[in-house]
Protein backbone atom coordinates (compact mmCIF):
# COMPACT_ATOMS: atom_id res chain seq x y z
CA MET A 1 92.32 26.66 267.72
CA THR A 2 91.58 23.68 265.45
CA ARG A 3 87.92 23.07 264.73
CA ILE A 4 86.69 19.51 264.31
CA ASN A 5 85.41 18.99 260.78
CA ALA A 6 84.00 15.84 259.16
CA ASP A 7 87.43 14.66 257.98
CA ILE A 8 88.96 14.99 261.45
CA ARG A 9 85.98 13.28 263.05
CA ASP A 10 86.14 10.38 260.56
CA SER A 11 89.87 10.06 261.16
CA ILE A 12 89.39 9.89 264.94
CA VAL A 13 86.73 7.20 264.52
CA ALA A 14 88.94 5.20 262.15
CA ASN A 15 91.92 5.49 264.51
CA ALA A 16 89.75 4.35 267.42
CA ILE A 17 88.70 1.23 265.50
CA GLU A 18 92.32 0.53 264.58
CA LYS A 19 93.52 1.12 268.16
CA SER A 20 90.89 -1.26 269.53
CA GLY A 21 92.43 -4.19 267.65
CA ILE A 22 89.33 -4.87 265.57
CA THR A 23 91.20 -4.37 262.29
CA ALA A 24 93.81 -6.97 263.29
CA GLU A 25 91.04 -9.37 264.31
CA PHE A 26 89.42 -8.99 260.90
CA GLU A 27 92.78 -9.80 259.27
CA ARG A 28 93.02 -12.99 261.33
CA LEU A 29 89.46 -13.81 260.32
CA LYS A 30 90.40 -13.37 256.65
CA LYS A 31 93.26 -15.84 257.13
CA ARG A 32 90.82 -18.27 258.72
CA ARG A 33 88.47 -17.91 255.75
CA ALA A 34 91.36 -18.57 253.36
CA ASP A 35 92.35 -21.67 255.33
CA TRP A 36 88.75 -22.89 255.17
CA ALA A 37 88.55 -22.33 251.41
CA GLU A 38 91.82 -24.25 251.00
CA ALA A 39 90.47 -27.13 253.09
CA VAL A 40 87.37 -27.23 250.88
CA ARG A 41 89.57 -27.19 247.77
CA VAL A 42 91.69 -30.07 249.01
CA GLU A 43 88.59 -32.11 249.82
CA SER A 44 87.13 -31.32 246.39
CA LEU A 45 90.29 -32.75 244.80
CA GLY A 46 89.98 -35.97 246.80
CA GLY A 47 92.17 -35.20 249.81
CA GLN A 48 95.82 -34.43 250.47
CA GLU A 49 97.15 -37.58 248.77
CA ALA A 50 95.06 -36.97 245.66
CA ARG A 51 96.15 -33.33 245.59
CA ALA A 52 99.81 -34.41 245.74
CA LYS A 53 99.27 -36.78 242.80
CA ILE A 54 97.55 -34.04 240.80
CA ASN A 55 100.41 -31.62 241.52
CA LYS A 56 102.95 -34.22 240.44
CA ALA A 57 101.06 -35.02 237.24
CA TYR A 58 100.61 -31.31 236.55
CA ALA A 59 104.34 -30.65 236.94
CA LEU A 60 105.14 -33.51 234.58
CA ALA A 61 102.56 -32.30 232.03
CA GLU A 62 104.00 -28.78 232.14
CA LYS A 63 107.49 -30.18 231.56
CA HIS A 64 106.35 -31.98 228.41
CA TYR A 65 104.15 -29.08 227.31
CA ALA A 66 107.19 -26.79 227.37
CA LYS A 67 108.72 -28.94 224.62
CA ILE A 68 105.87 -28.18 222.21
CA PRO A 69 106.60 -25.37 219.70
CA ASP A 70 104.95 -22.09 220.68
CA ASN A 71 103.24 -21.67 217.31
CA ILE A 72 100.98 -24.68 217.95
CA LYS A 73 100.27 -24.15 221.67
CA SER A 74 96.84 -22.97 222.74
CA HIS A 75 98.41 -21.03 225.61
CA GLY A 76 95.53 -22.06 227.85
CA SER A 77 95.87 -23.59 231.31
CA LEU A 78 96.49 -27.34 231.44
CA LEU A 79 94.20 -27.57 234.47
CA ARG A 80 91.22 -25.52 235.57
CA THR A 81 92.36 -22.70 237.86
CA ASP A 82 90.27 -20.05 239.56
CA TYR A 83 90.34 -17.64 242.49
CA ASP A 84 87.24 -19.10 244.14
CA ILE A 85 85.07 -22.16 244.48
CA TYR A 86 81.30 -22.31 244.82
CA VAL A 87 80.36 -24.39 247.85
CA ASN A 88 77.04 -25.91 248.84
CA VAL A 89 77.36 -25.75 252.62
CA ALA A 90 74.66 -28.19 253.74
CA GLY A 91 72.13 -26.45 251.51
CA ALA A 92 73.48 -22.91 251.63
CA SER A 93 75.30 -21.73 248.51
CA ILE A 94 78.39 -19.55 249.05
CA CYS A 95 81.38 -18.42 247.02
CA ALA A 96 84.65 -19.06 248.87
CA GLN A 97 87.55 -16.85 247.82
CA PHE A 98 90.98 -18.50 248.17
CA SER A 99 92.33 -15.10 249.29
CA GLY A 100 90.00 -15.09 252.27
CA GLU A 101 88.26 -11.96 251.00
CA LEU A 102 84.48 -11.78 251.08
CA THR A 103 84.23 -10.53 247.51
CA ASP A 104 86.25 -10.65 244.32
CA VAL A 105 89.05 -8.15 244.87
CA SER A 106 91.18 -8.27 241.75
CA LYS A 107 94.46 -7.17 243.32
CA ASN A 108 94.14 -9.82 246.04
CA ARG A 109 93.16 -12.76 243.87
CA VAL A 110 94.80 -16.10 244.66
CA MET A 111 94.59 -18.52 241.72
CA LYS A 112 94.49 -22.26 242.49
CA VAL A 113 93.62 -25.50 240.75
CA ALA A 114 90.06 -26.35 241.75
CA PRO A 115 86.75 -27.61 240.39
CA HIS A 116 83.98 -25.07 239.90
CA ARG A 117 81.71 -26.45 242.65
CA HIS A 118 81.81 -28.67 245.71
CA THR A 119 79.18 -29.88 248.18
CA LEU A 120 79.61 -30.26 251.93
CA LYS A 121 77.12 -32.49 253.73
CA ALA A 122 75.69 -31.45 257.10
CA ASP A 123 77.92 -33.84 259.10
CA ASN A 124 81.14 -32.51 257.54
CA PRO A 125 83.37 -30.71 260.12
CA LEU A 126 83.95 -27.98 257.53
CA VAL A 127 80.29 -27.02 257.88
CA ASP A 128 80.79 -26.40 261.62
CA GLU A 129 83.91 -24.35 260.89
CA PHE A 130 81.99 -22.27 258.33
CA HIS A 131 79.29 -21.42 260.88
CA ALA A 132 81.93 -20.63 263.52
CA ILE A 133 83.60 -18.20 261.12
CA GLU A 134 80.30 -16.53 260.30
CA LYS A 135 79.43 -16.22 263.99
CA LEU A 136 82.78 -14.58 264.76
CA ALA A 137 82.37 -12.25 261.77
CA GLY A 138 79.02 -11.09 263.13
CA GLU A 139 80.47 -10.47 266.58
CA LEU A 140 83.38 -8.46 265.18
CA LYS A 141 81.09 -6.36 263.00
CA GLU A 142 78.86 -5.61 265.99
CA LYS A 143 81.87 -4.64 268.11
CA ARG A 144 83.25 -2.43 265.34
CA GLU A 145 79.92 -0.66 264.86
CA THR A 146 79.54 -0.13 268.62
CA ILE A 147 82.91 1.60 268.74
CA ARG A 148 82.16 3.59 265.60
CA ALA A 149 78.80 4.82 266.89
CA ASN A 150 80.02 5.71 270.39
CA VAL A 151 83.18 7.53 269.30
CA ASP A 152 81.36 9.38 266.52
CA ALA A 153 78.60 10.48 268.91
CA THR A 154 81.14 11.63 271.48
CA VAL A 155 83.27 13.64 269.05
CA ARG A 156 80.19 15.33 267.61
CA LYS A 157 79.59 16.94 271.01
CA PHE A 158 82.69 19.13 270.58
CA THR A 159 83.50 21.84 268.09
CA THR A 160 87.26 22.06 268.66
CA ILE A 161 90.16 19.74 269.42
CA LYS A 162 90.86 21.70 272.60
CA LYS A 163 87.37 21.15 273.98
CA LEU A 164 87.47 17.46 273.04
CA LEU A 165 90.75 16.91 274.89
CA GLU A 166 89.56 18.82 277.93
CA ALA A 167 86.77 16.27 278.31
CA TRP A 168 88.58 13.22 276.90
CA PRO A 169 92.38 13.67 277.16
CA GLU A 170 93.15 10.09 276.04
CA ALA A 171 91.66 10.96 272.62
CA LYS A 172 94.99 12.64 271.88
CA GLU A 173 96.19 9.23 270.63
CA LEU A 174 93.36 9.16 268.09
CA LEU A 175 94.00 12.54 266.46
CA PRO A 176 95.33 12.74 262.88
CA SER A 177 99.13 12.94 262.95
CA ASP A 178 99.18 16.38 261.32
CA ILE A 179 97.14 18.04 264.07
CA GLY A 180 98.73 19.65 267.10
CA THR A 181 97.19 19.03 270.50
CA ALA A 182 96.30 21.37 273.32
CA LYS A 183 97.05 20.60 276.95
CA ALA A 184 94.34 18.31 278.29
CA GLN A 185 92.36 19.45 281.31
CA LEU A 186 89.27 18.43 283.30
CA PRO A 187 88.94 14.76 282.26
CA ALA A 188 85.29 13.71 282.10
CA VAL A 189 84.09 10.58 283.91
CA GLN A 190 82.21 9.29 280.82
CA ALA A 191 85.52 9.01 278.95
CA ALA A 192 86.38 5.91 281.00
CA ASP A 193 83.86 3.78 279.11
CA LEU A 194 85.30 4.82 275.76
CA ASN A 195 88.85 4.18 276.98
CA ASN A 196 87.95 0.65 278.05
CA MET A 197 86.16 0.00 274.77
CA ILE A 198 89.08 1.14 272.61
CA GLY A 199 92.00 0.22 274.87
CA LEU A 200 93.28 3.68 275.80
CA PRO A 201 95.75 4.81 276.87
CA THR A 202 98.10 2.54 274.92
CA ASP A 203 100.79 2.31 277.62
CA LYS A 204 98.18 1.01 280.07
CA LYS A 205 96.97 -1.60 277.54
CA ASP A 206 100.56 -2.77 276.81
CA ALA A 207 101.26 -3.21 280.50
CA ALA A 208 98.23 -5.45 281.01
C-alpha cells in the first residue's frame, strides 16, 4: 500500500495544474508578451519601414566590416543589441524581455537591436495591450492558485493512494507515472467539483 508523501502530493498538484491547461495558457501568454515587446521595439526604431532600412544598412555594414583585418577590429557589436528594453508605459516603468519571460532568464535570452529605453503615451494602443496582458496574467495566476490550493487540500485528507482513489477515482490520471494504482471504489460526490476544475477525466474533456 503506497503512502502519500510530500513528493507524491506535490506531483499530483503539479499534474493537476498541467492537466487543467493552465501551463499551456501561460505559454501562450509568454508569446503574447514577446509579441508586445517586439511591437515596442519596432516602434522605438521608427516603425516597420525604418526597421527595414536599419536592417539593410546593418547587413551592408557587416559585409564591409568583414573585410577589415581581425587584428584591428574591436570585435564589438556594430549596433546596440540587448535582450530587453525599458519601457515607460504611460508613466509606469517596466522591463520588457524580447523572450516574453518576466525576468532575465539567461538560457532563454533573445538578443535584438534596440535602444535602451522607449516611452509609450497613454493614447498608444500598445498601452491598452499591456494592460490586457497584465489582466489576463492575474486571472491565470488566480486560477492556478485555486487549483493548487483545492487539490493540495483534498490530497492531504488521505494517507494512502488507495484511500485517495476510493474517494476520487479520476485522480488516477494525476498520479506520478512510477506509482501503481489500486482499483477505485466508492467515488465521492465532492470529487465532481475538482474534476470540473481540472478537466477530468481526459476522455470526457476531449469529447467535449
